[in-house]
Amino acid sequence: MSARAVRLTHPERLLWPGDGLTKGDLYNYFGAVAGAMLPHVRDRPISMQRFRGSVQEGGFFQKEIPRGAPDWLDRVAVGKHGGSVCHLLANSREALQWLGQQGCVTPHVFPRRADRLDRPDRLVIDLDPTLEDFGAVRRAALACGDALRDRGLEPFAMVTGSRGVHVVAPLKRTRDVEDVLAWSRGLAEELAAAHPDALTTAFRKEKRDDRIYVDVARNGPAQTVVAPYAPRARAHAPVATPLRWEELHDDALRPDGWTMRTVLDRLDELGGDPWSDIAAAARPLPR
């Protein structure tokens, strides 16, 4: 047996009972999707959304890597007030499968890499709708893309597997977390001012009316974002799925349109990950 072999226990445990999907299916999915997923999680501290029963029974978030985790797993200490938290780095197929063994349905990652945790390399705009109107979300994502391009950045889009879209701009690591957060807040305010009937930066839901929340908080310190190709704890096991930008024009696009059972076929049909060149598109954050 390999020194990195992951022992899978209770593979029959149902995580998505309504869909017949088990812990073994999650483990196998992480192994199969690793080629596409690893470039987007490698060297990024992970916060684990874990489930000891089914996703309907509810889970919990865990930042600290559990005691007894194999020595071969990469990890990094992230400072916090009064100490530090030791996070997992999922840098191999076996590490992803270890997440499956832990019942980690959804890994969430830092938009920064472990060697320079103070310098983000991805700027994330989370478009969170109030209404079930995904056409409006697609239009908002396209507007975000235009605004980022106007400022010299290259946008990428991902349906979240939940209700919204993430628009992501890869960055050269020239600015610190607070600079990136402040810049993204300024961009969000400008977008909301340009589209006052459609977009808002109001944190409180009662102040949003029917508008889409332009959430840039994930660019702040110690914040995480759902990892590309991560399953979600929702019916049918939808997956956070990177898009080709032009897919935002497709009226048939859905935020939860690909699942653990279908996203691998999508990768085969596309000939690989639509975000495979995201790192090469990194630009300095403009001042």
Protein backbone atom coordinates (compact mmCIF):
# COMPACT_ATOMS: atom_id res chain seq x y z
CA MET A 1 0.00 0.00 0.00
CA SER A 2 1.22 3.50 -0.86
CA ALA A 3 2.46 5.64 2.02
CA ARG A 4 -0.17 8.13 0.92
CA ALA A 5 -3.05 5.69 0.57
CA VAL A 6 -6.24 7.01 2.17
CA ARG A 7 -8.30 4.42 4.03
CA LEU A 8 -11.98 4.98 3.28
CA THR A 9 -14.36 4.05 6.08
CA HIS A 10 -18.14 3.72 5.82
CA PRO A 11 -18.23 4.25 2.03
CA GLU A 12 -21.92 3.29 2.05
CA ARG A 13 -22.98 6.23 4.25
CA LEU A 14 -25.52 8.31 2.36
CA LEU A 15 -24.57 11.97 2.11
CA TRP A 16 -27.31 12.85 -0.40
CA PRO A 17 -30.03 10.28 0.43
CA GLY A 18 -32.48 11.61 -2.14
CA ASP A 19 -29.91 11.07 -4.88
CA GLY A 20 -28.37 7.85 -3.62
CA LEU A 21 -24.92 9.48 -3.35
CA THR A 22 -22.60 8.16 -0.67
CA LYS A 23 -19.39 9.02 1.08
CA GLY A 24 -17.71 6.57 -1.30
CA ASP A 25 -19.08 8.53 -4.26
CA LEU A 26 -17.65 11.75 -2.79
CA TYR A 27 -14.25 10.08 -2.28
CA ASN A 28 -14.25 8.77 -5.85
CA TYR A 29 -15.37 12.13 -7.23
CA PHE A 30 -12.48 13.97 -5.59
CA GLY A 31 -10.10 11.42 -7.06
CA ALA A 32 -11.59 11.77 -10.54
CA VAL A 33 -11.79 15.59 -10.60
CA ALA A 34 -8.34 16.16 -9.09
CA GLY A 35 -6.68 17.02 -12.40
CA ALA A 36 -8.98 20.00 -12.90
CA MET A 37 -9.43 20.96 -9.24
CA LEU A 38 -5.89 20.85 -7.87
CA PRO A 39 -4.56 23.94 -9.72
CA HIS A 40 -7.28 25.99 -8.00
CA VAL A 41 -6.73 24.69 -4.45
CA ARG A 42 -3.00 23.93 -4.36
CA ASP A 43 -1.15 25.87 -1.62
CA ARG A 44 -4.37 27.58 -0.47
CA PRO A 45 -5.43 27.14 3.17
CA ILE A 46 -8.68 25.19 3.35
CA SER A 47 -11.69 25.53 5.60
CA MET A 48 -13.64 22.27 5.60
CA GLN A 49 -17.43 22.08 5.50
CA ARG A 50 -17.92 18.62 7.00
CA PHE A 51 -20.91 16.34 7.49
CA ARG A 52 -21.07 13.38 9.87
CA GLY A 53 -24.51 12.43 8.56
CA SER A 54 -26.42 13.44 5.45
CA VAL A 55 -26.29 16.98 4.10
CA GLN A 56 -29.92 17.42 5.18
CA GLU A 57 -28.90 16.79 8.78
CA GLY A 58 -26.52 19.73 8.72
CA GLY A 59 -22.77 20.00 9.01
CA PHE A 60 -20.09 22.19 10.53
CA PHE A 61 -17.07 24.22 9.48
CA GLN A 62 -13.61 23.23 10.62
CA LYS A 63 -10.51 25.30 9.97
CA GLU A 64 -7.96 23.45 12.12
CA ILE A 65 -6.66 20.25 10.57
CA PRO A 66 -7.88 17.39 12.81
CA ARG A 67 -5.62 15.59 15.23
CA GLY A 68 -4.40 12.35 13.76
CA ALA A 69 -4.28 13.66 10.21
CA PRO A 70 -1.56 11.86 8.20
CA ASP A 71 1.91 13.37 8.43
CA TRP A 72 2.21 13.54 4.63
CA LEU A 73 -0.59 16.12 4.35
CA ASP A 74 0.75 19.62 3.68
CA ARG A 75 -0.37 22.31 6.10
CA VAL A 76 0.23 25.92 7.03
CA ALA A 77 -0.20 27.97 10.20
CA VAL A 78 -2.36 31.05 9.65
CA GLY A 79 -2.10 33.76 12.26
CA LYS A 80 -5.14 35.00 14.14
CA HIS A 81 -5.70 37.12 17.22
CA GLY A 82 -4.08 35.33 20.12
CA GLY A 83 -2.46 32.54 18.15
CA SER A 84 -2.72 30.64 14.88
CA VAL A 85 -4.78 28.01 13.08
CA CYS A 86 -3.14 25.10 11.24
CA HIS A 87 -4.94 24.69 7.91
CA LEU A 88 -4.77 21.81 5.45
CA LEU A 89 -3.23 22.41 2.03
CA ALA A 90 -4.84 20.02 -0.47
CA ASN A 91 -1.84 19.62 -2.78
CA SER A 92 -2.44 16.13 -4.14
CA ARG A 93 -5.14 13.77 -5.34
CA GLU A 94 -4.73 11.82 -2.11
CA ALA A 95 -5.27 14.99 -0.07
CA LEU A 96 -8.56 15.62 -1.88
CA GLN A 97 -9.60 12.04 -1.22
CA TRP A 98 -8.66 12.48 2.43
CA LEU A 99 -11.16 15.36 2.47
CA GLY A 100 -13.77 12.91 1.20
CA GLN A 101 -12.89 10.48 3.98
CA GLN A 102 -13.44 13.32 6.47
CA GLY A 103 -16.93 13.94 5.08
CA CYS A 104 -15.79 17.31 3.78
CA VAL A 105 -18.39 17.94 1.09
CA THR A 106 -17.31 21.51 0.32
CA PRO A 107 -13.74 22.74 0.72
CA HIS A 108 -13.45 26.52 0.93
CA VAL A 109 -10.10 28.12 0.05
CA PHE A 110 -8.25 31.37 0.65
CA PRO A 111 -7.90 33.69 -2.37
CA ARG A 112 -4.22 33.77 -1.35
CA ARG A 113 -1.42 31.21 -1.40
CA ALA A 114 0.47 29.90 1.59
CA ASP A 115 3.87 31.36 0.69
CA ARG A 116 2.50 34.95 0.77
CA LEU A 117 -0.68 34.98 2.78
CA ASP A 118 -0.67 38.77 2.88
CA ARG A 119 -0.81 39.08 -0.94
CA PRO A 120 -4.02 37.95 -2.72
CA ASP A 121 -3.72 36.44 -6.18
CA ARG A 122 -7.46 36.36 -6.87
CA LEU A 123 -10.09 39.05 -6.46
CA VAL A 124 -13.56 37.60 -5.93
CA ILE A 125 -16.95 39.24 -6.55
CA ASP A 126 -19.83 37.13 -5.25
CA LEU A 127 -23.15 38.01 -6.89
CA ASP A 128 -25.84 36.97 -4.41
CA PRO A 129 -29.41 37.28 -5.76
CA THR A 130 -32.46 38.18 -3.72
CA LEU A 131 -34.90 36.75 -6.27
CA GLU A 132 -34.78 33.52 -8.26
CA ASP A 133 -33.93 35.41 -11.45
CA PHE A 134 -30.73 33.97 -12.84
CA GLY A 135 -30.98 36.04 -16.00
CA ALA A 136 -30.43 39.11 -13.83
CA VAL A 137 -27.41 37.42 -12.21
CA ARG A 138 -25.90 36.67 -15.62
CA ARG A 139 -26.36 40.29 -16.68
CA ALA A 140 -24.75 41.45 -13.43
CA ALA A 141 -21.78 39.15 -14.04
CA LEU A 142 -21.33 40.54 -17.55
CA ALA A 143 -21.40 44.08 -16.13
CA CYS A 144 -18.77 43.10 -13.56
CA GLY A 145 -16.62 41.67 -16.34
CA ASP A 146 -16.88 44.88 -18.36
CA ALA A 147 -15.91 46.94 -15.31
CA LEU A 148 -12.89 44.74 -14.57
CA ARG A 149 -11.70 44.86 -18.18
CA ASP A 150 -12.06 48.65 -18.20
CA ARG A 151 -9.59 48.64 -15.30
CA GLY A 152 -7.10 46.33 -16.98
CA LEU A 153 -8.08 43.06 -15.27
CA GLU A 154 -9.26 39.81 -16.88
CA PRO A 155 -12.52 38.35 -15.52
CA PHE A 156 -13.41 34.67 -15.12
CA ALA A 157 -16.83 33.36 -14.10
CA MET A 158 -18.03 30.40 -12.05
CA VAL A 159 -21.53 29.25 -11.19
CA THR A 160 -21.47 28.46 -7.50
CA GLY A 161 -23.64 25.35 -7.40
CA SER A 162 -25.99 27.36 -5.19
CA ARG A 163 -27.81 30.50 -6.44
CA GLY A 164 -25.21 32.92 -7.74
CA VAL A 165 -22.08 33.56 -9.75
CA HIS A 166 -18.53 34.36 -8.71
CA VAL A 167 -16.62 36.73 -10.96
CA VAL A 168 -12.90 36.27 -10.34
CA ALA A 169 -9.96 38.37 -11.51
CA PRO A 170 -6.49 36.79 -11.17
CA LEU A 171 -3.95 39.20 -9.68
CA LYS A 172 -0.22 39.68 -9.64
CA ARG A 173 0.75 39.65 -5.97
CA THR A 174 1.68 43.32 -5.78
CA ARG A 175 -0.84 44.55 -3.17
CA ASP A 176 -1.77 43.44 0.31
CA VAL A 177 -5.12 42.17 1.58
CA GLU A 178 -6.37 45.50 2.84
CA ASP A 179 -5.55 47.21 -0.47
CA VAL A 180 -7.38 44.54 -2.46
CA LEU A 181 -10.38 44.67 -0.13
CA ALA A 182 -10.56 48.47 -0.32
CA TRP A 183 -10.20 48.44 -4.11
CA SER A 184 -12.91 45.79 -4.51
CA ARG A 185 -15.25 47.75 -2.23
CA GLY A 186 -14.74 50.81 -4.38
CA LEU A 187 -15.51 48.79 -7.51
CA ALA A 188 -18.66 47.34 -5.92
CA GLU A 189 -19.89 50.83 -4.99
CA GLU A 190 -19.30 52.05 -8.54
CA LEU A 191 -21.16 49.06 -9.98
CA ALA A 192 -24.09 49.60 -7.64
CA ALA A 193 -24.20 53.32 -8.50
CA ALA A 194 -24.15 52.54 -12.24
CA HIS A 195 -26.94 49.94 -11.90
CA PRO A 196 -29.01 51.19 -8.93
CA ASP A 197 -32.14 49.20 -9.83
CA ALA A 198 -30.29 45.91 -10.19
CA LEU A 199 -27.28 45.95 -7.83
CA THR A 200 -26.61 46.87 -4.22
CA THR A 201 -23.83 46.79 -1.66
CA ALA A 202 -26.28 46.72 1.27
CA PHE A 203 -25.21 44.01 3.71
CA ARG A 204 -28.61 43.83 5.45
CA LYS A 205 -31.10 41.82 3.42
CA GLU A 206 -34.02 44.07 4.28
CA LYS A 207 -32.24 46.94 2.53
CA ARG A 208 -31.60 45.08 -0.73
CA ASP A 209 -35.20 45.04 -2.03
CA ASP A 210 -35.08 42.86 -5.16
CA ARG A 211 -31.50 43.73 -6.05
CA ILE A 212 -28.42 41.54 -6.35
CA TYR A 213 -25.88 41.90 -3.56
CA VAL A 214 -22.38 42.66 -4.88
CA ASP A 215 -20.41 40.93 -2.13
CA VAL A 216 -16.65 41.53 -2.03
CA ALA A 217 -16.10 40.57 1.61
CA ARG A 218 -14.32 37.37 0.54
CA ASN A 219 -11.31 39.53 -0.31
CA GLY A 220 -10.80 40.35 3.38
CA PRO A 221 -8.42 38.82 5.95
CA ALA A 222 -9.03 35.15 6.87
CA GLN A 223 -11.92 34.91 4.40
CA THR A 224 -12.49 31.90 2.16
CA VAL A 225 -14.46 31.14 -0.98
CA VAL A 226 -15.95 27.91 -2.30
CA ALA A 227 -13.35 26.02 -4.31
CA PRO A 228 -13.85 25.39 -8.03
CA TYR A 229 -15.30 21.91 -8.58
CA ALA A 230 -16.39 21.62 -4.94
CA PRO A 231 -19.73 19.86 -4.39
CA ARG A 232 -22.41 21.70 -2.45
CA ALA A 233 -24.60 20.46 0.39
CA ARG A 234 -27.77 20.80 -1.67
CA ALA A 235 -30.14 18.41 -3.39
CA HIS A 236 -28.60 16.56 -6.36
CA ALA A 237 -25.02 17.43 -5.27
CA PRO A 238 -24.48 20.45 -7.55
CA VAL A 239 -20.89 21.51 -8.15
CA ALA A 240 -19.24 24.95 -8.26
CA THR A 241 -18.35 25.00 -11.95
CA PRO A 242 -15.96 27.31 -13.83
CA LEU A 243 -17.38 28.68 -17.08
CA ARG A 244 -16.18 29.87 -20.42
CA TRP A 245 -17.02 33.59 -20.29
CA GLU A 246 -19.37 33.39 -23.28
CA GLU A 247 -21.57 30.91 -21.41
CA LEU A 248 -22.92 33.86 -19.41
CA HIS A 249 -24.91 34.78 -22.54
CA ASP A 250 -26.70 31.40 -22.52
CA ASP A 251 -30.31 31.69 -21.32
CA ALA A 252 -30.23 28.00 -20.37
CA LEU A 253 -27.35 28.45 -17.90
CA ARG A 254 -28.22 27.54 -14.32
CA PRO A 255 -26.23 28.19 -11.11
CA ASP A 256 -26.61 24.54 -10.11
CA GLY A 257 -26.66 23.01 -13.57
CA TRP A 258 -23.76 20.59 -13.10
CA THR A 259 -23.52 17.95 -10.42
CA MET A 260 -21.07 15.35 -9.12
CA ARG A 261 -22.58 12.99 -11.69
CA THR A 262 -22.30 15.31 -14.71
CA VAL A 263 -19.40 17.75 -14.31
CA LEU A 264 -16.77 15.20 -15.35
CA ASP A 265 -18.63 14.69 -18.65
CA ARG A 266 -18.57 18.46 -19.11
CA LEU A 267 -14.80 18.50 -18.66
CA ASP A 268 -14.48 15.76 -21.25
CA GLU A 269 -16.71 17.62 -23.71
CA LEU A 270 -14.79 20.88 -23.26
CA GLY A 271 -11.42 19.14 -23.46
CA GLY A 272 -10.46 20.33 -19.99
CA ASP A 273 -10.94 23.06 -17.43
CA PRO A 274 -12.16 26.44 -18.79
CA TRP A 275 -9.99 28.13 -16.13
CA SER A 276 -6.80 26.30 -17.06
CA ASP A 277 -5.12 29.57 -18.09
CA ILE A 278 -6.36 31.72 -15.19
CA ALA A 279 -2.93 32.09 -13.57
CA ALA A 280 -1.39 33.30 -16.84
CA ALA A 281 -4.05 36.03 -17.02
CA ALA A 282 -2.96 37.64 -13.71
CA ARG A 283 -2.53 41.42 -13.81
CA PRO A 284 -1.44 43.96 -11.20
CA LEU A 285 -4.31 45.56 -9.31
CA PRO A 286 -4.55 49.13 -10.63
CA ARG A 287 -4.12 52.03 -8.26
